[in-house]
Structures are given as structure tokens and as C-alpha cells.
Protein backbone atom coordinates (compact mmCIF):
# COMPACT_ATOMS: atom_id res chain seq x y z
CA MET A 1 -2.33 -45.02 6.31
CA ALA A 2 -4.76 -42.11 6.02
CA GLU A 3 -6.13 -41.49 2.53
CA TYR A 4 -6.04 -37.71 2.95
CA ASP A 5 -3.63 -35.30 4.56
CA LEU A 6 -6.47 -33.27 6.07
CA VAL A 7 -10.23 -33.65 6.38
CA ILE A 8 -12.33 -30.68 7.48
CA ARG A 9 -15.65 -32.00 8.72
CA GLY A 10 -19.08 -30.45 9.08
CA GLY A 11 -18.27 -26.90 8.02
CA THR A 12 -20.37 -24.54 5.95
CA ILE A 13 -18.61 -24.17 2.62
CA VAL A 14 -18.57 -20.84 0.78
CA ASP A 15 -16.50 -21.54 -2.31
CA GLY A 16 -16.53 -18.15 -4.05
CA THR A 17 -18.39 -19.33 -7.16
CA ASN A 18 -21.66 -17.56 -6.27
CA ILE A 19 -23.53 -20.78 -5.49
CA PRO A 20 -25.38 -20.88 -2.14
CA ARG A 21 -23.39 -21.95 0.90
CA PHE A 22 -23.71 -25.61 1.88
CA LYS A 23 -22.60 -27.97 4.65
CA ALA A 24 -20.10 -30.64 3.70
CA ASP A 25 -16.81 -32.33 4.50
CA LEU A 26 -13.70 -31.30 2.58
CA ALA A 27 -10.56 -33.37 2.05
CA ILE A 28 -7.09 -32.12 1.11
CA LYS A 29 -4.30 -34.19 -0.42
CA ASP A 30 -0.86 -32.92 -1.46
CA GLY A 31 -1.89 -29.32 -0.91
CA ARG A 32 -5.01 -29.50 -3.11
CA VAL A 33 -8.71 -30.00 -2.52
CA ALA A 34 -9.23 -33.69 -3.28
CA LYS A 35 -12.90 -34.17 -2.41
CA ILE A 36 -15.97 -32.28 -1.22
CA SER A 37 -18.87 -34.40 -0.05
CA GLY A 38 -21.73 -34.38 2.42
CA LYS A 39 -19.89 -37.09 4.32
CA ILE A 40 -16.34 -38.28 3.67
CA SER A 41 -15.86 -41.73 5.17
CA SER A 42 -12.09 -41.93 4.71
CA ALA A 43 -9.85 -40.61 7.44
CA GLY A 44 -7.35 -37.80 7.24
CA ALA A 45 -3.90 -37.73 8.81
CA LYS A 46 -5.27 -34.63 10.51
CA GLU A 47 -8.91 -33.80 11.04
CA ILE A 48 -10.67 -30.57 11.98
CA ASP A 49 -14.19 -30.32 13.37
CA ALA A 50 -15.58 -27.25 11.59
CA GLN A 51 -19.13 -27.42 12.95
CA GLY A 52 -20.48 -23.87 13.15
CA CYS A 53 -17.59 -22.48 11.08
CA ILE A 54 -17.24 -21.16 7.54
CA VAL A 55 -14.86 -23.06 5.26
CA ALA A 56 -13.73 -20.87 2.37
CA PRO A 57 -10.71 -20.21 0.15
CA GLY A 58 -8.25 -17.79 1.66
CA ALA A 59 -8.55 -14.22 0.45
CA ILE A 60 -5.63 -12.45 -1.23
CA ASP A 61 -5.10 -8.85 -0.15
CA LEU A 62 -3.24 -7.46 -3.13
CA HIS A 63 -2.38 -4.04 -1.66
CA THR A 64 -1.19 -3.75 1.94
CA HIS A 65 1.44 -1.91 3.95
CA TYR A 66 2.30 -4.68 6.40
CA ASP A 67 6.01 -4.34 5.54
CA ALA A 68 6.90 -3.33 9.09
CA GLN A 69 4.14 -5.08 11.04
CA LEU A 70 5.15 -8.51 9.77
CA ASN A 71 8.27 -8.08 11.91
CA TRP A 72 6.24 -8.40 15.11
CA ASP A 73 2.92 -9.80 13.87
CA PRO A 74 3.35 -12.74 11.48
CA TYR A 75 -0.44 -13.05 11.10
CA ALA A 76 -0.94 -9.60 9.52
CA SER A 77 -3.66 -8.64 11.97
CA ILE A 78 -6.39 -7.67 11.40
CA SER A 79 -6.48 -9.00 7.84
CA GLY A 80 -5.63 -12.49 9.04
CA TRP A 81 -8.63 -12.48 11.35
CA PHE A 82 -11.03 -12.21 8.42
CA GLY A 83 -9.85 -14.93 6.09
CA VAL A 84 -6.92 -13.21 4.37
CA THR A 85 -4.23 -15.82 3.87
CA SER A 86 -1.98 -13.98 1.39
CA VAL A 87 -0.80 -10.37 1.45
CA SER A 88 1.23 -8.26 -0.95
CA VAL A 89 3.70 -5.75 0.52
CA GLY A 90 6.15 -3.22 -0.91
CA GLN A 91 3.26 -1.31 -2.45
CA CYS A 92 3.26 2.33 -3.61
CA GLY A 93 7.02 2.37 -3.97
CA PHE A 94 7.86 2.59 -0.29
CA GLY A 95 9.01 0.00 2.21
CA PHE A 96 12.14 -1.13 4.00
CA ALA A 97 14.36 -3.04 1.59
CA PRO A 98 16.88 -2.31 0.39
CA THR A 99 17.78 0.14 3.18
CA ARG A 100 21.17 1.19 4.47
CA PRO A 101 21.46 1.50 8.28
CA GLU A 102 21.75 5.29 8.09
CA ASP A 103 18.43 5.50 6.20
CA ARG A 104 16.33 3.28 8.47
CA GLU A 105 14.89 6.15 10.47
CA LEU A 106 14.03 8.12 7.32
CA ASN A 107 12.16 5.19 5.81
CA MET A 108 10.25 4.56 9.04
CA ARG A 109 9.27 8.22 9.28
CA MET A 110 8.19 8.21 5.64
CA MET A 111 5.93 5.21 6.29
CA ASN A 112 4.56 6.98 9.36
CA ARG A 113 3.70 10.14 7.42
CA ILE A 114 2.11 8.36 4.48
CA GLU A 115 0.38 5.34 6.02
CA ALA A 116 0.11 6.42 9.69
CA ILE A 117 1.99 3.32 10.86
CA PRO A 118 2.92 4.32 14.44
CA LEU A 119 6.56 5.38 14.48
CA LYS A 120 7.16 4.04 17.99
CA SER A 121 5.85 0.62 16.97
CA MET A 122 8.31 0.50 14.08
CA GLN A 123 11.22 1.72 16.19
CA LEU A 124 10.56 -0.93 18.83
CA GLY A 125 9.30 -3.78 16.68
CA MET A 126 11.51 -3.91 13.60
CA ARG A 127 14.49 -6.26 13.87
CA TRP A 128 16.51 -4.60 11.10
CA ASP A 129 18.59 -7.73 10.62
CA TRP A 130 18.71 -7.02 6.89
CA GLU A 131 19.97 -4.44 4.43
CA THR A 132 19.32 -5.93 1.00
CA PHE A 133 16.00 -7.18 -0.37
CA PRO A 134 16.96 -10.87 -0.29
CA GLU A 135 18.02 -10.40 3.34
CA TYR A 136 14.59 -8.90 4.12
CA LEU A 137 12.88 -11.98 2.71
CA ASP A 138 15.24 -14.21 4.69
CA SER A 139 14.42 -12.26 7.86
CA LEU A 140 10.71 -12.91 7.40
CA ASP A 141 11.41 -16.59 6.74
CA ARG A 142 13.50 -16.93 9.90
CA GLN A 143 10.74 -15.41 11.98
CA GLY A 144 8.03 -17.56 10.44
CA LEU A 145 4.83 -16.26 8.88
CA GLY A 146 1.17 -16.99 9.51
CA VAL A 147 0.20 -15.72 6.04
CA ASN A 148 1.72 -15.98 2.60
CA VAL A 149 3.68 -12.86 1.66
CA GLY A 150 4.43 -11.60 -1.82
CA ALA A 151 6.85 -8.67 -1.75
CA LEU A 152 7.43 -6.03 -4.41
CA VAL A 153 10.68 -4.05 -4.51
CA PRO A 154 9.71 -0.48 -3.53
CA PHE A 155 11.19 2.14 -5.84
CA SER A 156 11.90 4.91 -3.32
CA PRO A 157 14.17 2.86 -1.02
CA LEU A 158 15.78 1.29 -4.10
CA ARG A 159 16.71 4.69 -5.54
CA GLY A 160 17.80 5.89 -2.10
CA TYR A 161 20.00 2.85 -1.64
CA VAL A 162 21.96 3.72 -4.77
CA ILE A 163 22.30 7.53 -4.53
CA GLY A 164 21.45 8.22 -0.88
CA MET A 165 17.96 8.67 0.52
CA ARG A 166 18.07 12.43 0.95
CA GLU A 167 19.54 13.06 -2.49
CA ALA A 168 17.02 10.66 -3.99
CA ARG A 169 14.22 13.02 -2.95
CA SER A 170 15.46 15.92 -5.06
CA ARG A 171 17.72 14.71 -7.87
CA THR A 172 15.69 14.35 -11.06
CA SER A 173 17.92 11.86 -12.86
CA VAL A 174 20.56 9.22 -12.26
CA THR A 175 23.67 8.39 -14.23
CA GLU A 176 23.86 5.37 -16.49
CA ALA A 177 26.03 3.61 -13.92
CA GLU A 178 23.56 4.37 -11.14
CA LEU A 179 20.65 3.09 -13.21
CA ASN A 180 22.55 -0.08 -13.99
CA ARG A 181 23.13 -0.54 -10.26
CA MET A 182 19.39 -0.10 -9.61
CA LYS A 183 18.66 -2.70 -12.28
CA ASP A 184 21.19 -5.11 -10.77
CA ILE A 185 19.55 -4.77 -7.35
CA LEU A 186 16.11 -5.46 -8.82
CA ARG A 187 17.54 -8.42 -10.73
CA GLU A 188 19.03 -9.81 -7.51
CA ALA A 189 15.70 -9.30 -5.74
CA MET A 190 13.78 -11.11 -8.48
CA GLN A 191 16.18 -14.03 -8.26
CA ALA A 192 15.48 -14.16 -4.51
CA GLY A 193 11.71 -14.23 -4.97
CA ALA A 194 10.46 -10.66 -5.40
CA PHE A 195 7.11 -10.27 -7.13
CA GLY A 196 8.23 -7.23 -9.16
CA PHE A 197 8.55 -3.56 -8.26
CA SER A 198 6.27 -0.64 -7.40
CA ALA A 199 6.29 3.16 -7.59
CA ASP A 200 4.14 6.10 -6.51
CA LYS A 201 3.27 9.41 -8.21
CA ASN A 202 0.54 10.38 -5.74
CA LEU A 203 1.18 13.97 -4.59
CA GLU A 204 -0.66 13.21 -1.37
CA ASP A 205 2.19 10.91 -0.31
CA ARG A 206 5.12 12.79 1.23
CA THR A 207 8.23 12.20 3.30
CA GLU A 208 8.42 13.02 6.99
CA ASP A 209 9.36 16.65 6.29
CA GLY A 210 6.76 17.10 3.55
CA SER A 211 9.20 16.85 0.65
CA ALA A 212 8.67 14.78 -2.49
CA LEU A 213 9.17 11.05 -2.65
CA PRO A 214 12.10 9.76 -4.73
CA SER A 215 9.54 8.28 -7.14
CA HIS A 216 7.96 11.72 -7.60
CA VAL A 217 11.14 13.26 -9.01
CA ALA A 218 12.66 10.28 -10.82
CA SER A 219 13.02 10.31 -14.59
CA PRO A 220 10.96 8.06 -16.90
CA ALA A 221 14.19 6.35 -17.97
CA GLU A 222 14.54 4.84 -14.50
CA PHE A 223 11.13 3.18 -14.57
CA LEU A 224 11.63 1.99 -18.13
CA GLY A 225 14.99 0.51 -17.20
CA LEU A 226 13.51 -1.41 -14.29
CA SER A 227 10.63 -2.66 -16.41
CA GLU A 228 13.16 -4.14 -18.84
CA VAL A 229 14.59 -6.23 -16.01
CA LEU A 230 11.23 -7.94 -15.54
CA SER A 231 11.29 -9.00 -19.19
CA GLU A 232 14.29 -11.19 -18.34
CA PHE A 233 12.26 -13.29 -15.90
CA GLY A 234 8.83 -13.70 -17.47
CA VAL A 235 7.23 -13.45 -14.03
CA GLY A 236 6.26 -10.67 -11.66
CA HIS A 237 4.32 -7.48 -12.13
CA MET A 238 4.59 -3.71 -11.69
CA GLY A 239 2.58 -1.77 -9.12
CA TRP A 240 1.85 1.91 -9.70
CA THR A 241 -0.09 4.54 -7.76
CA ILE A 242 -1.29 7.57 -9.71
CA GLY A 243 -3.51 8.93 -6.96
CA ILE A 244 -3.90 12.69 -6.84
CA SER A 245 -1.59 13.84 -9.60
CA ASN A 246 -0.99 16.70 -12.01
CA ASN A 247 0.28 14.64 -14.94
CA ALA A 248 -1.90 11.57 -15.26
CA LYS A 249 -1.83 11.62 -19.08
CA GLU A 250 1.98 11.58 -19.14
CA GLN A 251 1.91 8.69 -16.70
CA HIS A 252 -0.50 6.76 -18.92
CA THR A 253 1.98 7.05 -21.81
CA LEU A 254 4.88 5.94 -19.59
CA LEU A 255 2.96 3.01 -18.11
CA ALA A 256 1.97 1.72 -21.54
CA GLU A 257 5.61 1.72 -22.62
CA MET A 258 6.64 -0.02 -19.38
CA MET A 259 4.18 -2.82 -20.15
CA ARG A 260 5.47 -3.10 -23.71
CA ARG A 261 9.09 -3.36 -22.60
CA SER A 262 8.49 -5.72 -19.69
CA GLY A 263 5.75 -7.89 -21.15
CA ARG A 264 4.41 -8.05 -17.60
CA PRO A 265 1.13 -6.97 -15.99
CA LEU A 266 0.66 -3.57 -14.39
CA HIS A 267 -1.51 -3.11 -11.30
CA VAL A 268 -2.44 0.56 -11.14
CA ALA A 269 -4.29 2.55 -8.51
CA LEU A 270 -5.97 5.32 -10.46
CA GLY A 271 -6.50 8.76 -9.02
CA ASP A 272 -9.01 11.49 -9.66
CA GLU A 273 -8.23 11.81 -13.38
CA ASN A 274 -11.36 11.51 -15.50
CA ASP A 275 -9.93 9.40 -18.31
CA GLY A 276 -8.12 6.70 -16.35
CA TYR A 277 -10.63 3.98 -17.10
CA ALA A 278 -10.80 4.95 -20.76
CA TRP A 279 -7.00 4.77 -20.97
CA ALA A 280 -6.96 1.35 -19.30
CA SER A 281 -9.60 0.07 -21.73
CA GLU A 282 -7.57 1.29 -24.71
CA ALA A 283 -4.42 -0.31 -23.28
CA ARG A 284 -6.17 -3.65 -22.90
CA GLU A 285 -7.47 -3.43 -26.47
CA GLU A 286 -3.83 -3.09 -27.51
CA GLY A 287 -3.11 -6.26 -25.57
CA LEU A 288 -1.36 -4.57 -22.66
CA PRO A 289 -2.03 -6.37 -19.35
CA VAL A 290 -3.20 -3.50 -17.15
CA VAL A 291 -5.29 -4.26 -14.07
CA ILE A 292 -7.00 -1.46 -12.14
CA GLN A 293 -6.96 -1.52 -8.35
CA GLN A 294 -10.10 0.09 -7.01
CA THR A 295 -12.03 -0.07 -3.76
CA SER A 296 -15.44 -1.68 -4.13
CA MET A 297 -17.07 0.40 -1.43
CA ASN A 298 -16.86 3.93 -0.08
CA PRO A 299 -14.01 3.85 2.46
CA VAL A 300 -14.48 5.38 5.88
CA ALA A 301 -11.30 6.63 7.54
CA GLU A 302 -10.79 7.95 11.04
CA PHE A 303 -7.76 10.19 11.33
CA THR A 304 -6.14 13.01 13.22
CA LEU A 305 -3.71 15.48 11.72
CA ALA A 306 -1.22 14.38 14.37
CA GLU A 307 -0.74 11.03 12.59
CA TYR A 308 -1.80 11.52 9.00
CA ASN A 309 -2.11 14.45 6.63
CA MET A 310 -4.63 13.51 3.95
CA PHE A 311 -4.22 16.99 2.46
CA ASP A 312 -0.55 16.69 1.50
CA TYR A 313 -1.47 17.11 -2.17
CA MET A 314 -2.18 20.82 -1.52
CA PRO A 315 1.07 22.85 -1.36
CA HIS A 316 0.17 25.17 1.53
CA TRP A 317 -1.00 22.30 3.75
CA ILE A 318 2.34 20.51 3.77
CA GLU A 319 4.68 22.64 5.87
CA PRO A 320 2.17 23.68 8.59
CA LEU A 321 1.60 20.01 9.38
CA VAL A 322 5.26 19.10 9.81
CA GLY A 323 6.80 18.99 13.29
CA THR A 324 5.67 18.31 16.83
CA ALA A 325 2.07 18.87 17.89
CA GLU A 326 3.07 22.15 19.52
CA GLU A 327 4.92 23.33 16.41
CA ARG A 328 1.99 22.45 14.18
CA ALA A 329 -0.48 24.23 16.44
CA ALA A 330 1.65 27.37 16.40
CA LYS A 331 1.88 27.37 12.61
CA LEU A 332 -1.85 26.76 12.23
CA ARG A 333 -2.57 29.85 14.34
CA ASN A 334 -0.85 32.02 11.73
CA PRO A 335 -3.60 33.93 9.85
CA ALA A 336 -1.53 34.10 6.66
CA ALA A 337 -0.96 30.35 6.68
CA ARG A 338 -4.65 29.68 7.27
CA GLU A 339 -5.64 31.97 4.41
CA ALA A 340 -3.22 30.22 2.05
CA MET A 341 -4.60 26.83 3.10
CA LYS A 342 -8.14 28.02 2.41
CA ASP A 343 -7.07 29.29 -1.02
CA ASP A 344 -5.71 25.80 -1.82
CA VAL A 345 -9.08 24.26 -0.99
CA VAL A 346 -10.96 26.74 -3.15
CA ALA A 347 -8.52 26.37 -6.05
CA ARG A 348 -8.65 22.56 -6.12
CA PRO A 349 -12.05 21.17 -5.11
CA HIS A 350 -11.82 17.49 -4.20
CA GLU A 351 -13.81 14.84 -2.36
CA ARG A 352 -11.22 15.16 0.41
CA THR A 353 -12.50 18.68 1.09
CA ASN A 354 -16.21 17.91 0.94
CA TRP A 355 -16.80 19.13 4.47
CA ASN A 356 -20.36 17.76 4.43
CA THR A 357 -18.96 14.23 4.61
CA MET A 358 -16.28 14.86 7.25
CA THR A 359 -17.45 14.46 10.84
CA VAL A 360 -15.90 15.25 14.22
CA VAL A 361 -15.89 11.82 15.89
CA GLU A 362 -14.07 12.53 19.14
CA VAL A 363 -12.45 15.51 20.83
CA LYS A 364 -9.77 15.66 23.50
CA ASN A 365 -10.61 19.03 25.04
CA GLU A 366 -13.81 19.01 27.08
CA ARG A 367 -14.76 22.50 25.93
CA ASN A 368 -15.08 21.15 22.39
CA ARG A 369 -17.35 18.25 23.38
CA GLN A 370 -20.34 20.07 21.88
CA PHE A 371 -18.86 19.64 18.41
CA GLU A 372 -18.79 15.83 18.45
CA GLY A 373 -21.02 14.40 15.75
CA MET A 374 -21.05 17.59 13.69
CA THR A 375 -19.77 17.76 10.13
CA LEU A 376 -17.07 20.33 9.44
CA ALA A 377 -19.58 22.19 7.28
CA GLU A 378 -21.94 22.44 10.26
CA LEU A 379 -19.06 23.41 12.53
CA GLY A 380 -18.10 26.22 10.16
CA GLN A 381 -21.67 27.49 10.15
CA THR A 382 -21.87 27.59 13.95
CA GLN A 383 -18.61 29.55 14.08
CA ASP A 384 -19.45 31.72 11.06
CA LYS A 385 -16.14 30.60 9.49
CA HIS A 386 -14.96 28.70 6.46
CA PRO A 387 -14.91 24.98 7.36
């Protein structure tokens, strides 16, 4: 009988401890690394020749939006190609469970507007053999997964499931009975294996028609009530996106109280507020388990306004970029609309509107080919117009 379940031979090991890479064999027994040695003489029930390959721990991607893609791609491409073996979904308070059949299209269109997940891919690729959160997890299990998946309960679909998705976008409070129902649904989800819940206050994130997310308009009592549910389990965490927001300080106060009531960690994506890190430091000094999510490098994003509106946080940019391509083009030709959009940019300077860092990568119309490679600042200068 083989001593080990698996022996990986001859690979270059990068173990994540900052020591130099080295060549060795690695043995696994009962799901754990049992031995690392230059040469393991004992056999494994299964053996892999890793000559020329890197052997490393799997990476955990703690913030993804693979909620839909996992329906047709169990490997979470392209993350799975680069060593990611575990992904977290249900982030930012939006996703697909729980979802009533009549709200499926709304939730897909919301994901399309916010994360630029192609709508057609979702319409064709999602099985929709679930309604509740436990049923969503069961659906993924039935399909089979090539990565580990930890799923948070997204707040916006949860609120929409209880009071209706359209009403959830505008009503600023729920009744006691409705909140209790939301708490029961979260409780049921936690019992089924949810990792917690998430919410979003980022004004850049909008529904398909440019209106507010349910999490934007919800009362603090709703988030506090859900945080209390987590205290019953002693596991799980809360995910929160502040992003581009007008009330970061109020959110800091709310988030601290949510951690106190739940006793659970908070993973927060800070926005452009200046005191976010100072607040997090003070919270940790109090003993509150806040963890900041932050990119470790300057992100580069390619986008078109046909798929993604990264300016949804500015009020006069929302409505002109709703509708078909033809409808959007017609609205953008309106001089009054353009002037209002320019006023928004001037009134709220942001890195998103640093036209010196935004470049025309590719054009569709041949007459505009000359502009490829130019920044929007340069383009404005050549046209003698505001970028």
C-alpha cells in the first residue's frame, strides 16, 4: 500500500514564505502536506511529474464576481489559470440568490451594468435551477466545481426577495416583519454554508436603469439586524464596499457597531475618503476585526461606455448612458446634457476623470483611427474642447 496519497516529483517549490524557490518532491497524506524533500523514496497512490513546473499553495481570491460564470465555467477562468484555487462570490451586495423568477432578468442586468458581465452570456449560460440561497449552493455542487467557492449572501437580492426587487430600490425602510424575514433567510443560508453577507454603498454602482441599489437606500437597522444573525453562528464575515460615497463617516460608525453586534470580521473596500485607514486603525485598537481590501498595484482597465459606466457616481452621467447604443448616442449629442456632464466633472475632481491617464486604445470608425494612442487630454487639445 502506498505511503502517501499523492507525490509531486521534481517541481520547483514556491511556498509563499519569502524563501528562495527550490526543487524538491512533495508528498500529501490525508489532504495535508506530509513531507517535502529533495527526493522522496516512498511511492504515492498517485504521482505527478512536475518537472519544469511551479508547485505552490493555491491562491485565494477574496473578492470576485464569478457568481454567474461558475454556471458555465467551473474553473473560474481566468483566475484558475494562474493558481487561484479558491474564490469568494456574492461580493458588493449583488448576486443571484435568493432571486424570484420574475427578478432574474433585473439581477442579470444589474450585474451587467456594474461589473460588465456580458448580459447575453448570463441569459444563455445560467441554469436558474434555484431560487433560494441553499438551492444556489446545491446547483453549484450538482454541476461540480474546479475551484473552491465561498459564497456571501448579497444584500440587494436578499432585500428584493422580501419586498420585491423594484420596490427594494426606492423604499428606505422595511417593517419589523420584513426585517425578521430577511434575518430568517440569512440564517437559513448560514446553516447551508454561506460565508456571511455583503453590501454596497458605492455610488458608482447602479442598476440597469441607473437607479440606486437596494443597499444604497436601506436603513442602518437592516444591516445591524443581519449582523446580529452572524453572532448566532460564530463563523462567517461581513463584506462592505464604501467606494465613491458621500457619507463615509456615517458608514464608519455603522460598520463599527455591526462588528460589535456580530463579533465577526468585516472586510471593507474603502473608497476615496481620506480618513478610511485612520478609522480602520482606531477600530482595530478597539479590538474590532476590520480588514481592508485594497489593490496592491495600479489597476489598468479597458472599457467602453457601451458595457460599463465608470462615471455612474456623477448624477448627470447616469441617465445619458442608459439605453441602447443609438439612444445613448442621441442623448450624448444634446448640448445641455454635455454641459451638465462637464459641470459634474469640474465639481467633483477624481482620479476617474484624470484625462491624462485615460487613453484611446481602439476605435471602430476608421475616420477616428488617428486618435488611437492619444490620451483624452491630448484629444481635447487637438479638438480645442474640454476632454
